[in-house]
Protein backbone atom coordinates (compact mmCIF):
# COMPACT_ATOMS: atom_id res chain seq x y z
CA MET A 1 -0.10 0.17 0.17
CA ARG A 2 0.97 3.58 -0.58
CA ILE A 3 -0.39 6.95 -0.24
CA VAL A 4 -1.15 8.86 -3.37
CA PRO A 5 -2.03 12.57 -3.39
CA THR A 6 -5.79 13.08 -4.78
CA LEU A 7 -4.24 14.80 -8.15
CA GLN A 8 -1.79 12.13 -8.81
CA LEU A 9 -4.38 9.44 -9.04
CA VAL A 10 -5.28 8.01 -12.30
CA PRO A 11 -8.12 5.32 -13.62
CA GLY A 12 -7.48 1.96 -12.45
CA MET A 13 -5.73 2.17 -9.25
CA ILE A 14 -7.48 0.15 -7.02
CA VAL A 15 -8.32 1.70 -3.16
CA ALA A 16 -6.30 -0.17 -0.38
CA GLU A 17 -8.71 1.30 2.47
CA ASP A 18 -12.13 2.94 3.19
CA VAL A 19 -12.11 6.42 1.85
CA LEU A 20 -13.89 9.48 4.31
CA SER A 21 -14.22 12.85 3.27
CA LEU A 22 -12.68 15.47 6.01
CA ASP A 23 -16.28 15.28 7.56
CA GLN A 24 -15.84 11.78 8.12
CA GLU A 25 -18.74 11.14 5.06
CA PHE A 26 -17.79 7.16 3.58
CA VAL A 27 -16.71 8.41 -0.04
CA LEU A 28 -15.35 5.14 -1.48
CA GLU A 29 -15.00 1.31 -0.22
CA LYS A 30 -11.71 -0.19 -0.04
CA GLY A 31 -11.31 -2.64 -3.00
CA THR A 32 -13.25 -0.05 -5.56
CA ARG A 33 -11.18 0.55 -8.66
CA LEU A 34 -10.73 4.68 -9.31
CA THR A 35 -12.36 6.26 -12.51
CA ASP A 36 -12.34 9.63 -14.02
CA ALA A 37 -15.48 10.36 -12.20
CA MET A 38 -14.73 9.21 -8.69
CA ILE A 39 -11.38 10.77 -9.03
CA THR A 40 -13.12 13.88 -9.84
CA ARG A 41 -15.51 13.03 -6.68
CA LEU A 42 -12.56 12.85 -4.38
CA ASP A 43 -11.52 16.36 -5.45
CA LEU A 44 -14.82 17.56 -4.84
CA TYR A 45 -15.05 16.11 -1.04
CA GLY A 46 -11.84 17.38 -0.32
CA VAL A 47 -10.42 14.18 -0.39
CA LEU A 48 -5.99 14.86 -0.15
CA SER A 49 -4.72 11.77 -0.66
CA VAL A 50 -5.73 8.40 -0.63
CA ALA A 51 -4.28 4.61 0.17
CA ILE A 52 -3.54 2.61 -3.16
CA GLN A 53 -2.68 -0.94 -3.19
CA LYS A 54 0.57 -1.05 -4.09
CA ASP A 55 0.34 -3.53 -7.39
CA SER A 56 -2.39 -1.23 -8.64
CA ALA A 57 -0.77 1.66 -9.05
CA SER A 58 1.79 0.07 -11.28
CA THR A 59 -0.63 -1.41 -13.63
CA ALA A 60 -2.61 1.57 -13.65
CA ASP A 61 0.43 3.43 -15.05
CA LYS A 62 0.74 0.71 -17.59
CA GLN A 63 -3.10 1.63 -18.57
CA ALA A 64 -2.51 5.46 -19.15
């Protein structure tokens, strides 16, 4: 697992932990594969960084 700033997220990355907003609202579930729309949603909720599964980051880089 690694922590990735929201602005550096790319579609295809897999969330390693549940994501909560600054107000502790549930945003994304652990195991979710990110899409462009989800990354935009994270930004709108003010999420600054996300725990990403280590192996999914390299897979997403290859897809980009």
